[in-house]
Amino acid sequence: MLQIIEVLKPIFLLVFFLIVCAASLFAQQTDSLITQKDTSQVQPLPGPADTLNRVIAEETVLSMKNKLLNSDAAPVSLAVQLKSRRSGDNFFYLVTGIVLLLAFLKYFYSRYFTNLFRVFFNTSLRQSQLTDQLLQAKLPSLLFNLFFVISGGIYVFILLNYYEVIPGENNRILILTSIALLGIIYFLKFCTLKFTGWVSGLSESTNTYIFIIFLINKIIGVFLVPFIIILSFSDKPIVKTGVIISLMSIGIFLLLRFFRSYGLLQNQLKISRFHFFLYIAGIELLPLLLIYKGLMVYLSKIL
């Protein structure tokens, strides 16, 4: 019996040791769970509602303390206006089209283009072979006259926009209006001179005068192309200089047209320079001034 007890004694000690270890581990886990439960009860995690209330409270305190905020007055709502973007792409394509049109005319009617400048720089326009060639070329003459109307209308639009007579919006309508007005002016002038020559029996003199007018106009149309490019895409100092030079050049062309017309018509019509100047002022300058004044009144009402 004693021997059996001696054999089982180590086994009982081992079992007792295991039971004690298991009890101590279970007690530690229970304490840790209790500690975590107590910690969660003492320090709760902030929720969304608590954070929002805390932020609102802080903003309220700051607004009450800030003297620069007018928190007591009624709130004011400001209307938001979208900024309209102005793009110059369409006008760029228009100027590019003008250059391509001039290149087209120069390529297909190079002989007429050359004779045009040779006759212009010739001091005498009395019946010569070059003048006859220009008079016989009806289609190139019409195309170059149309080119003058287009380039002159665009140049007038640029000047009106530069002097802030018209706004920058509705560019297409204003450009077409400028081109159409310039075309109507010279078409009426052509019809008036033709009718006057037919009634007075001086068709040859009026045809000579018409030829000189439209010859100078064709040269002006070609001359305005580089100024249109400069005035459209340059800085303000360069644009200002370009406007002055272009206006002075156009004035020189008009004076040249006056003197060359008088030189050719003096012997045929037997008129003095004073009477011819009165004719130029009454037939050409005065209608242009009246149209300009009416256009300004009309634009001031619709814009």
C-alpha atoms as a PDB file:
ATOM      1  CA  MET A   1       0.000   0.000   0.000  1.00  0.00           C
ATOM      2  CA  LEU A   2       2.777   2.372   0.863  1.00  0.00           C
ATOM      3  CA  GLN A   3       4.480   1.527  -2.316  1.00  0.00           C
ATOM      4  CA  ILE A   4       1.356   2.420  -4.333  1.00  0.00           C
ATOM      5  CA  ILE A   5       1.080   5.758  -2.523  1.00  0.00           C
ATOM      6  CA  GLU A   6       4.721   6.492  -3.242  1.00  0.00           C
ATOM      7  CA  VAL A   7       4.128   5.770  -6.947  1.00  0.00           C
ATOM      8  CA  LEU A   8       0.960   7.941  -7.228  1.00  0.00           C
ATOM      9  CA  LYS A   9       2.358  10.822  -5.233  1.00  0.00           C
ATOM     10  CA  PRO A  10       4.247  12.459  -8.143  1.00  0.00           C
ATOM     11  CA  ILE A  11       1.182  12.071 -10.326  1.00  0.00           C
ATOM     12  CA  PHE A  12      -1.014  13.880  -7.770  1.00  0.00           C
ATOM     13  CA  LEU A  13       1.534  16.653  -7.470  1.00  0.00           C
ATOM     14  CA  LEU A  14       1.637  17.113 -11.262  1.00  0.00           C
ATOM     15  CA  VAL A  15      -2.165  17.235 -11.522  1.00  0.00           C
ATOM     16  CA  PHE A  16      -2.350  19.707  -8.638  1.00  0.00           C
ATOM     17  CA  PHE A  17       0.283  21.914 -10.278  1.00  0.00           C
ATOM     18  CA  LEU A  18      -1.666  21.942 -13.568  1.00  0.00           C
ATOM     19  CA  ILE A  19      -4.907  22.841 -11.792  1.00  0.00           C
ATOM     20  CA  VAL A  20      -3.245  25.771 -10.009  1.00  0.00           C
ATOM     21  CA  CYS A  21      -1.733  27.097 -13.260  1.00  0.00           C
ATOM     22  CA  ALA A  22      -5.063  26.880 -15.076  1.00  0.00           C
ATOM     23  CA  ALA A  23      -6.841  28.730 -12.288  1.00  0.00           C
ATOM     24  CA  SER A  24      -4.263  31.543 -12.298  1.00  0.00           C
ATOM     25  CA  LEU A  25      -4.570  31.996 -16.103  1.00  0.00           C
ATOM     26  CA  PHE A  26      -8.375  32.153 -15.975  1.00  0.00           C
ATOM     27  CA  ALA A  27      -8.178  34.745 -13.206  1.00  0.00           C
ATOM     28  CA  GLN A  28      -5.825  36.971 -15.274  1.00  0.00           C
ATOM     29  CA  GLN A  29      -8.119  36.854 -18.352  1.00  0.00           C
ATOM     30  CA  THR A  30     -11.115  37.803 -16.231  1.00  0.00           C
ATOM     31  CA  ASP A  31      -9.233  40.764 -14.747  1.00  0.00           C
ATOM     32  CA  SER A  32      -8.165  41.991 -18.191  1.00  0.00           C
ATOM     33  CA  LEU A  33     -11.744  41.807 -19.506  1.00  0.00           C
ATOM     34  CA  ILE A  34     -12.990  43.698 -16.482  1.00  0.00           C
ATOM     35  CA  THR A  35     -10.267  46.310 -16.958  1.00  0.00           C
ATOM     36  CA  GLN A  36     -11.125  46.790 -20.632  1.00  0.00           C
ATOM     37  CA  LYS A  37     -14.790  47.040 -19.777  1.00  0.00           C
ATOM     38  CA  ASP A  38     -14.084  49.676 -17.162  1.00  0.00           C
ATOM     39  CA  THR A  39     -11.815  51.613 -19.541  1.00  0.00           C
ATOM     40  CA  SER A  40     -14.461  51.689 -22.250  1.00  0.00           C
ATOM     41  CA  GLN A  41     -16.949  52.969 -19.720  1.00  0.00           C
ATOM     42  CA  VAL A  42     -14.657  55.681 -18.403  1.00  0.00           C
ATOM     43  CA  GLN A  43     -13.272  56.943 -21.814  1.00  0.00           C
ATOM     44  CA  PRO A  44     -15.890  56.476 -24.547  1.00  0.00           C
ATOM     45  CA  LEU A  45     -14.872  56.945 -28.157  1.00  0.00           C
ATOM     46  CA  PRO A  46     -16.108  60.188 -29.779  1.00  0.00           C
ATOM     47  CA  GLY A  47     -18.930  59.670 -32.271  1.00  0.00           C
ATOM     48  CA  PRO A  48     -19.890  61.775 -35.338  1.00  0.00           C
ATOM     49  CA  ALA A  49     -22.578  63.639 -33.440  1.00  0.00           C
ATOM     50  CA  ASP A  50     -20.197  64.589 -30.636  1.00  0.00           C
ATOM     51  CA  THR A  51     -17.559  65.808 -33.107  1.00  0.00           C
ATOM     52  CA  LEU A  52     -20.111  67.902 -35.035  1.00  0.00           C
ATOM     53  CA  ASN A  53     -21.450  69.455 -31.852  1.00  0.00           C
ATOM     54  CA  ARG A  54     -17.923  70.237 -30.683  1.00  0.00           C
ATOM     55  CA  VAL A  55     -17.080  71.940 -34.025  1.00  0.00           C
ATOM     56  CA  ILE A  56     -20.305  73.964 -33.982  1.00  0.00           C
ATOM     57  CA  ALA A  57     -19.628  75.053 -30.446  1.00  0.00           C
ATOM     58  CA  GLU A  58     -16.081  76.130 -31.285  1.00  0.00           C
ATOM     59  CA  GLU A  59     -17.248  78.099 -34.365  1.00  0.00           C
ATOM     60  CA  THR A  60     -19.954  79.762 -32.301  1.00  0.00           C
ATOM     61  CA  VAL A  61     -17.442  80.818 -29.687  1.00  0.00           C
ATOM     62  CA  LEU A  62     -15.040  82.125 -32.330  1.00  0.00           C
ATOM     63  CA  SER A  63     -17.763  84.097 -34.123  1.00  0.00           C
ATOM     64  CA  MET A  64     -18.858  85.668 -30.850  1.00  0.00           C
ATOM     65  CA  LYS A  65     -15.309  86.649 -30.009  1.00  0.00           C
ATOM     66  CA  ASN A  66     -14.400  87.978 -33.508  1.00  0.00           C
ATOM     67  CA  LYS A  67     -15.223  91.680 -33.733  1.00  0.00           C
ATOM     68  CA  LEU A  68     -14.780  91.794 -37.518  1.00  0.00           C
ATOM     69  CA  LEU A  69     -17.726  89.481 -38.140  1.00  0.00           C
ATOM     70  CA  ASN A  70     -21.137  91.118 -38.276  1.00  0.00           C
ATOM     71  CA  SER A  71     -22.956  88.179 -36.716  1.00  0.00           C
ATOM     72  CA  ASP A  72     -25.932  90.239 -35.507  1.00  0.00           C
ATOM     73  CA  ALA A  73     -27.040  91.533 -38.943  1.00  0.00           C
ATOM     74  CA  ALA A  74     -29.260  89.696 -41.370  1.00  0.00           C
ATOM     75  CA  PRO A  75     -27.431  87.394 -43.793  1.00  0.00           C
ATOM     76  CA  VAL A  76     -26.904  88.662 -47.322  1.00  0.00           C
ATOM     77  CA  SER A  77     -26.869  86.470 -50.417  1.00  0.00           C
ATOM     78  CA  LEU A  78     -24.654  87.523 -53.322  1.00  0.00           C
ATOM     79  CA  ALA A  79     -25.530  86.489 -56.864  1.00  0.00           C
ATOM     80  CA  VAL A  80     -22.833  84.547 -58.631  1.00  0.00           C
ATOM     81  CA  GLN A  81     -22.210  85.616 -62.234  1.00  0.00           C
ATOM     82  CA  LEU A  82     -20.288  83.322 -64.506  1.00  0.00           C
ATOM     83  CA  LYS A  83     -17.416  85.027 -66.288  1.00  0.00           C
ATOM     84  CA  SER A  84     -17.777  84.839 -70.029  1.00  0.00           C
ATOM     85  CA  ARG A  85     -14.637  83.780 -71.815  1.00  0.00           C
ATOM     86  CA  ARG A  86     -13.625  85.726 -74.887  1.00  0.00           C
ATOM     87  CA  SER A  87     -11.790  83.708 -77.427  1.00  0.00           C
ATOM     88  CA  GLY A  88      -9.997  85.214 -80.392  1.00  0.00           C
ATOM     89  CA  ASP A  89      -9.873  81.979 -82.379  1.00  0.00           C
ATOM     90  CA  ASN A  90     -12.685  82.965 -84.754  1.00  0.00           C
ATOM     91  CA  PHE A  91     -11.068  86.311 -85.533  1.00  0.00           C
ATOM     92  CA  PHE A  92      -7.737  84.566 -86.060  1.00  0.00           C
ATOM     93  CA  TYR A  93      -9.328  82.260 -88.617  1.00  0.00           C
ATOM     94  CA  LEU A  94     -10.939  85.280 -90.293  1.00  0.00           C
ATOM     95  CA  VAL A  95      -7.593  87.067 -90.643  1.00  0.00           C
ATOM     96  CA  THR A  96      -6.030  83.845 -91.912  1.00  0.00           C
ATOM     97  CA  GLY A  97      -8.810  83.617 -94.497  1.00  0.00           C
ATOM     98  CA  ILE A  98      -8.071  87.176 -95.649  1.00  0.00           C
ATOM     99  CA  VAL A  99      -4.405  86.312 -96.172  1.00  0.00           C
ATOM    100  CA  LEU A 100      -5.314  83.118 -98.040  1.00  0.00           C
ATOM    101  CA  LEU A 101      -7.760  85.064-100.227  1.00  0.00           C
ATOM    102  CA  LEU A 102      -5.043  87.558-101.144  1.00  0.00           C
ATOM    103  CA  ALA A 103      -2.665  84.695-101.911  1.00  0.00           C
ATOM    104  CA  PHE A 104      -5.359  83.103-104.081  1.00  0.00           C
ATOM    105  CA  LEU A 105      -5.861  86.323-106.054  1.00  0.00           C
ATOM    106  CA  LYS A 106      -2.118  86.862-106.372  1.00  0.00           C
ATOM    107  CA  TYR A 107      -1.578  83.308-107.647  1.00  0.00           C
ATOM    108  CA  PHE A 108      -4.414  83.069-110.171  1.00  0.00           C
ATOM    109  CA  TYR A 109      -4.315  86.704-111.332  1.00  0.00           C
ATOM    110  CA  SER A 110      -0.630  87.467-111.001  1.00  0.00           C
ATOM    111  CA  ARG A 111      -0.512  89.441-114.258  1.00  0.00           C
ATOM    112  CA  TYR A 112      -3.402  91.674-113.198  1.00  0.00           C
ATOM    113  CA  PHE A 113      -1.819  92.100-109.751  1.00  0.00           C
ATOM    114  CA  THR A 114       1.479  93.200-111.289  1.00  0.00           C
ATOM    115  CA  ASN A 115      -0.162  95.571-113.762  1.00  0.00           C
ATOM    116  CA  LEU A 116      -2.216  97.058-110.942  1.00  0.00           C
ATOM    117  CA  PHE A 117       0.851  98.267-109.089  1.00  0.00           C
ATOM    118  CA  ARG A 118       2.633  99.302-112.296  1.00  0.00           C
ATOM    119  CA  VAL A 119      -0.279 101.545-113.263  1.00  0.00           C
ATOM    120  CA  PHE A 120      -0.522 102.890-109.704  1.00  0.00           C
ATOM    121  CA  PHE A 121       3.112 103.982-109.662  1.00  0.00           C
ATOM    122  CA  ASN A 122       2.843 105.377-113.171  1.00  0.00           C
ATOM    123  CA  THR A 123       2.345 109.147-112.946  1.00  0.00           C
ATOM    124  CA  SER A 124       0.335 109.300-116.176  1.00  0.00           C
ATOM    125  CA  LEU A 125      -2.829 107.235-116.519  1.00  0.00           C
ATOM    126  CA  ARG A 126      -3.718 108.451-120.008  1.00  0.00           C
ATOM    127  CA  GLN A 127      -4.694 105.714-122.388  1.00  0.00           C
ATOM    128  CA  SER A 128      -1.868 103.229-122.181  1.00  0.00           C
ATOM    129  CA  GLN A 129      -1.602  99.536-122.825  1.00  0.00           C
ATOM    130  CA  LEU A 130      -1.521  98.616-119.100  1.00  0.00           C
ATOM    131  CA  THR A 131      -4.601 100.721-118.386  1.00  0.00           C
ATOM    132  CA  ASP A 132      -6.487  99.057-121.211  1.00  0.00           C
ATOM    133  CA  GLN A 133      -5.538  95.635-119.861  1.00  0.00           C
ATOM    134  CA  LEU A 134      -6.887  96.543-116.441  1.00  0.00           C
ATOM    135  CA  LEU A 135     -10.113  97.889-117.931  1.00  0.00           C
ATOM    136  CA  GLN A 136     -10.652  94.723-119.965  1.00  0.00           C
ATOM    137  CA  ALA A 137     -10.116  92.354-117.006  1.00  0.00           C
ATOM    138  CA  LYS A 138     -13.623  92.518-115.529  1.00  0.00           C
ATOM    139  CA  LEU A 139     -13.546  89.448-113.256  1.00  0.00           C
ATOM    140  CA  PRO A 140     -10.180  90.193-111.541  1.00  0.00           C
ATOM    141  CA  SER A 141     -11.285  93.806-111.083  1.00  0.00           C
ATOM    142  CA  LEU A 142     -14.506  92.671-109.392  1.00  0.00           C
ATOM    143  CA  LEU A 143     -12.655  90.204-107.131  1.00  0.00           C
ATOM    144  CA  PHE A 144     -10.094  92.797-106.038  1.00  0.00           C
ATOM    145  CA  ASN A 145     -12.902  95.278-105.365  1.00  0.00           C
ATOM    146  CA  LEU A 146     -14.600  92.687-103.165  1.00  0.00           C
ATOM    147  CA  PHE A 147     -11.303  92.090-101.412  1.00  0.00           C
ATOM    148  CA  PHE A 148     -11.043  95.818-100.686  1.00  0.00           C
ATOM    149  CA  VAL A 149     -14.557  95.798 -99.206  1.00  0.00           C
ATOM    150  CA  ILE A 150     -13.740  92.833 -96.942  1.00  0.00           C
ATOM    151  CA  SER A 151     -10.353  94.085 -95.737  1.00  0.00           C
ATOM    152  CA  GLY A 152     -11.660  97.655 -95.359  1.00  0.00           C
ATOM    153  CA  GLY A 153     -14.674  96.464 -93.347  1.00  0.00           C
ATOM    154  CA  ILE A 154     -12.465  94.434 -91.000  1.00  0.00           C
ATOM    155  CA  TYR A 155     -10.118  97.401 -90.609  1.00  0.00           C
ATOM    156  CA  VAL A 156     -13.055  99.700 -89.739  1.00  0.00           C
ATOM    157  CA  PHE A 157     -14.244  97.147 -87.147  1.00  0.00           C
ATOM    158  CA  ILE A 158     -10.763  97.035 -85.596  1.00  0.00           C
ATOM    159  CA  LEU A 159     -10.650 100.841 -85.379  1.00  0.00           C
ATOM    160  CA  LEU A 160     -14.089 101.036 -83.761  1.00  0.00           C
ATOM    161  CA  ASN A 161     -13.086  98.349 -81.280  1.00  0.00           C
ATOM    162  CA  TYR A 162      -9.753 100.075 -80.583  1.00  0.00           C
ATOM    163  CA  TYR A 163     -11.440 103.394 -79.783  1.00  0.00           C
ATOM    164  CA  GLU A 164     -14.055 101.497 -77.696  1.00  0.00           C
ATOM    165  CA  VAL A 165     -16.936 102.739 -79.811  1.00  0.00           C
ATOM    166  CA  ILE A 166     -18.396  99.229 -79.942  1.00  0.00           C
ATOM    167  CA  PRO A 167     -18.146  96.388 -77.400  1.00  0.00           C
ATOM    168  CA  GLY A 168     -16.198  93.208 -77.972  1.00  0.00           C
ATOM    169  CA  GLU A 169     -19.312  90.989 -78.078  1.00  0.00           C
ATOM    170  CA  ASN A 170     -21.197  90.005 -81.233  1.00  0.00           C
ATOM    171  CA  ASN A 171     -18.049  90.212 -83.331  1.00  0.00           C
ATOM    172  CA  ARG A 172     -19.577  88.388 -86.266  1.00  0.00           C
ATOM    173  CA  ILE A 173     -22.563  90.713 -86.559  1.00  0.00           C
ATOM    174  CA  LEU A 174     -20.468  93.870 -86.250  1.00  0.00           C
ATOM    175  CA  ILE A 175     -17.851  92.674 -88.737  1.00  0.00           C
ATOM    176  CA  LEU A 176     -20.519  91.748 -91.270  1.00  0.00           C
ATOM    177  CA  THR A 177     -22.199  95.107 -90.673  1.00  0.00           C
ATOM    178  CA  SER A 178     -18.956  96.997 -91.329  1.00  0.00           C
ATOM    179  CA  ILE A 179     -18.269  95.042 -94.516  1.00  0.00           C
ATOM    180  CA  ALA A 180     -21.842  95.464 -95.751  1.00  0.00           C
ATOM    181  CA  LEU A 181     -21.871  99.238 -95.085  1.00  0.00           C
ATOM    182  CA  LEU A 182     -18.591  99.765 -96.901  1.00  0.00           C
ATOM    183  CA  GLY A 183     -19.813  97.730 -99.852  1.00  0.00           C
ATOM    184  CA  ILE A 184     -23.115  99.624 -99.996  1.00  0.00           C
ATOM    185  CA  ILE A 185     -21.319 102.999 -99.887  1.00  0.00           C
ATOM    186  CA  TYR A 186     -19.082 102.236-102.859  1.00  0.00           C
ATOM    187  CA  PHE A 187     -21.850 100.515-104.788  1.00  0.00           C
ATOM    188  CA  LEU A 188     -24.049 103.614-104.444  1.00  0.00           C
ATOM    189  CA  LYS A 189     -21.108 105.818-105.410  1.00  0.00           C
ATOM    190  CA  PHE A 190     -20.492 103.703-108.519  1.00  0.00           C
ATOM    191  CA  CYS A 191     -24.156 103.865-109.522  1.00  0.00           C
ATOM    192  CA  THR A 192     -24.316 107.624-108.876  1.00  0.00           C
ATOM    193  CA  LEU A 193     -21.237 108.348-111.001  1.00  0.00           C
ATOM    194  CA  LYS A 194     -22.470 106.131-113.817  1.00  0.00           C
ATOM    195  CA  PHE A 195     -25.866 107.841-113.768  1.00  0.00           C
ATOM    196  CA  THR A 196     -24.257 111.299-113.658  1.00  0.00           C
ATOM    197  CA  GLY A 197     -22.021 110.511-116.619  1.00  0.00           C
ATOM    198  CA  TRP A 198     -24.955 109.166-118.596  1.00  0.00           C
ATOM    199  CA  VAL A 199     -27.161 112.197-117.868  1.00  0.00           C
ATOM    200  CA  SER A 200     -24.450 114.800-118.490  1.00  0.00           C
ATOM    201  CA  GLY A 201     -22.989 113.087-121.535  1.00  0.00           C
ATOM    202  CA  LEU A 202     -19.542 112.832-119.888  1.00  0.00           C
ATOM    203  CA  SER A 203     -19.353 109.065-119.674  1.00  0.00           C
ATOM    204  CA  GLU A 204     -15.687 108.970-120.636  1.00  0.00           C
ATOM    205  CA  SER A 205     -14.700 111.398-117.855  1.00  0.00           C
ATOM    206  CA  THR A 206     -16.778 109.605-115.231  1.00  0.00           C
ATOM    207  CA  ASN A 207     -15.346 106.232-116.287  1.00  0.00           C
ATOM    208  CA  THR A 208     -11.842 107.637-115.862  1.00  0.00           C
ATOM    209  CA  TYR A 209     -12.722 108.969-112.431  1.00  0.00           C
ATOM    210  CA  ILE A 210     -14.313 105.645-111.444  1.00  0.00           C
ATOM    211  CA  PHE A 211     -11.212 103.807-112.644  1.00  0.00           C
ATOM    212  CA  ILE A 212      -8.951 105.999-110.486  1.00  0.00           C
ATOM    213  CA  ILE A 213     -11.201 105.580-107.412  1.00  0.00           C
ATOM    214  CA  PHE A 214     -11.291 101.806-107.589  1.00  0.00           C
ATOM    215  CA  LEU A 215      -7.609 101.594-108.535  1.00  0.00           C
ATOM    216  CA  ILE A 216      -6.667 103.377-105.314  1.00  0.00           C
ATOM    217  CA  ASN A 217      -9.196 101.252-103.406  1.00  0.00           C
ATOM    218  CA  LYS A 218      -7.595  98.026-104.644  1.00  0.00           C
ATOM    219  CA  ILE A 219      -4.175  99.242-103.519  1.00  0.00           C
ATOM    220  CA  ILE A 220      -5.618 100.244-100.120  1.00  0.00           C
ATOM    221  CA  GLY A 221      -7.211  96.784 -99.743  1.00  0.00           C
ATOM    222  CA  VAL A 222      -3.850  95.070-100.258  1.00  0.00           C
ATOM    223  CA  PHE A 223      -2.079  97.673 -98.104  1.00  0.00           C
ATOM    224  CA  LEU A 224      -4.407  97.084 -95.124  1.00  0.00           C
ATOM    225  CA  VAL A 225      -3.668  93.342 -94.789  1.00  0.00           C
ATOM    226  CA  PRO A 226      -0.414  93.663 -92.765  1.00  0.00           C
ATOM    227  CA  PHE A 227      -1.981  96.378 -90.603  1.00  0.00           C
ATOM    228  CA  ILE A 228      -4.967  94.132 -89.870  1.00  0.00           C
ATOM    229  CA  ILE A 229      -2.555  91.451 -88.622  1.00  0.00           C
ATOM    230  CA  ILE A 230      -0.562  93.950 -86.539  1.00  0.00           C
ATOM    231  CA  LEU A 231      -3.596  95.635 -84.993  1.00  0.00           C
ATOM    232  CA  SER A 232      -5.249  92.304 -84.163  1.00  0.00           C
ATOM    233  CA  PHE A 233      -2.454  90.402 -82.426  1.00  0.00           C
ATOM    234  CA  SER A 234       0.087  92.946 -81.132  1.00  0.00           C
ATOM    235  CA  ASP A 235       0.603  94.699 -77.809  1.00  0.00           C
ATOM    236  CA  LYS A 236      -1.016  98.051 -77.080  1.00  0.00           C
ATOM    237  CA  PRO A 237       2.039 100.268 -77.829  1.00  0.00           C
ATOM    238  CA  ILE A 238       2.515  98.587 -81.197  1.00  0.00           C
ATOM    239  CA  VAL A 239      -1.226  98.789 -81.925  1.00  0.00           C
ATOM    240  CA  LYS A 240      -1.250 102.502 -81.145  1.00  0.00           C
ATOM    241  CA  THR A 241       1.641 103.127 -83.529  1.00  0.00           C
ATOM    242  CA  GLY A 242       0.053 100.937 -86.181  1.00  0.00           C
ATOM    243  CA  VAL A 243      -3.247 102.841 -85.987  1.00  0.00           C
ATOM    244  CA  ILE A 244      -1.487 106.190 -86.476  1.00  0.00           C
ATOM    245  CA  ILE A 245       0.624 104.957 -89.399  1.00  0.00           C
ATOM    246  CA  SER A 246      -2.328 103.259 -91.116  1.00  0.00           C
ATOM    247  CA  LEU A 247      -4.585 106.325 -90.813  1.00  0.00           C
ATOM    248  CA  MET A 248      -1.862 108.610 -92.135  1.00  0.00           C
ATOM    249  CA  SER A 249      -1.222 106.240 -95.042  1.00  0.00           C
ATOM    250  CA  ILE A 250      -4.918 106.084 -95.938  1.00  0.00           C
ATOM    251  CA  GLY A 251      -5.043 109.887 -95.840  1.00  0.00           C
ATOM    252  CA  ILE A 252      -2.097 110.018 -98.258  1.00  0.00           C
ATOM    253  CA  PHE A 253      -3.876 107.571-100.588  1.00  0.00           C
ATOM    254  CA  LEU A 254      -7.022 109.715-100.570  1.00  0.00           C
ATOM    255  CA  LEU A 255      -5.029 112.866-101.304  1.00  0.00           C
ATOM    256  CA  LEU A 256      -3.252 111.045-104.093  1.00  0.00           C
ATOM    257  CA  ARG A 257      -6.610 110.019-105.509  1.00  0.00           C
ATOM    258  CA  PHE A 258      -7.748 113.653-105.409  1.00  0.00           C
ATOM    259  CA  PHE A 259      -4.695 115.032-107.215  1.00  0.00           C
ATOM    260  CA  ARG A 260      -4.532 112.307-109.847  1.00  0.00           C
ATOM    261  CA  SER A 261      -8.235 112.630-110.572  1.00  0.00           C
ATOM    262  CA  TYR A 262      -7.968 116.380-110.922  1.00  0.00           C
ATOM    263  CA  GLY A 263      -4.923 116.069-113.168  1.00  0.00           C
ATOM    264  CA  LEU A 264      -6.829 113.845-115.591  1.00  0.00           C
ATOM    265  CA  LEU A 265     -10.176 115.661-115.493  1.00  0.00           C
ATOM    266  CA  GLN A 266      -8.887 119.234-115.568  1.00  0.00           C
ATOM    267  CA  ASN A 267      -8.479 119.365-119.338  1.00  0.00           C
ATOM    268  CA  GLN A 268     -11.715 117.485-120.050  1.00  0.00           C
ATOM    269  CA  LEU A 269     -14.092 119.302-117.691  1.00  0.00           C
ATOM    270  CA  LYS A 270     -12.390 122.722-117.436  1.00  0.00           C
ATOM    271  CA  ILE A 271     -12.957 123.019-113.693  1.00  0.00           C
ATOM    272  CA  SER A 272     -10.925 124.760-111.020  1.00  0.00           C
ATOM    273  CA  ARG A 273      -9.344 123.075-108.034  1.00  0.00           C
ATOM    274  CA  PHE A 274     -11.720 124.808-105.654  1.00  0.00           C
ATOM    275  CA  HIS A 275     -14.806 123.493-107.413  1.00  0.00           C
ATOM    276  CA  PHE A 276     -13.306 120.030-107.618  1.00  0.00           C
ATOM    277  CA  PHE A 277     -12.541 120.180-103.885  1.00  0.00           C
ATOM    278  CA  LEU A 278     -16.168 121.161-103.210  1.00  0.00           C
ATOM    279  CA  TYR A 279     -17.256 118.164-105.250  1.00  0.00           C
ATOM    280  CA  ILE A 280     -15.000 115.819-103.261  1.00  0.00           C
ATOM    281  CA  ALA A 281     -16.227 117.259 -99.953  1.00  0.00           C
ATOM    282  CA  GLY A 282     -19.904 117.128-100.930  1.00  0.00           C
ATOM    283  CA  ILE A 283     -19.999 113.775-102.709  1.00  0.00           C
ATOM    284  CA  GLU A 284     -17.431 111.710-100.830  1.00  0.00           C
ATOM    285  CA  LEU A 285     -16.592 113.187 -97.419  1.00  0.00           C
ATOM    286  CA  LEU A 286     -19.981 114.505 -96.304  1.00  0.00           C
ATOM    287  CA  PRO A 287     -21.921 111.249 -96.922  1.00  0.00           C
ATOM    288  CA  LEU A 288     -19.262 109.286 -95.027  1.00  0.00           C
ATOM    289  CA  LEU A 289     -19.531 111.642 -92.058  1.00  0.00           C
ATOM    290  CA  LEU A 290     -23.327 111.398 -92.073  1.00  0.00           C
ATOM    291  CA  ILE A 291     -23.179 107.595 -92.222  1.00  0.00           C
ATOM    292  CA  TYR A 292     -20.666 107.558 -89.367  1.00  0.00           C
ATOM    293  CA  LYS A 293     -22.878 109.811 -87.245  1.00  0.00           C
ATOM    294  CA  GLY A 294     -25.972 107.717 -87.937  1.00  0.00           C
ATOM    295  CA  LEU A 295     -24.097 104.516 -87.181  1.00  0.00           C
ATOM    296  CA  MET A 296     -22.903 105.860 -83.845  1.00  0.00           C
ATOM    297  CA  VAL A 297     -26.452 106.908 -82.885  1.00  0.00           C
ATOM    298  CA  TYR A 298     -27.794 103.501 -83.902  1.00  0.00           C
ATOM    299  CA  LEU A 299     -25.124 101.572 -81.978  1.00  0.00           C
ATOM    300  CA  SER A 300     -25.643 103.710 -78.872  1.00  0.00           C
ATOM    301  CA  LYS A 301     -29.328 102.703 -78.862  1.00  0.00           C
ATOM    302  CA  ILE A 302     -28.989  98.964 -79.439  1.00  0.00           C
ATOM    303  CA  LEU A 303     -25.856  98.318 -77.317  1.00  0.00           C
END
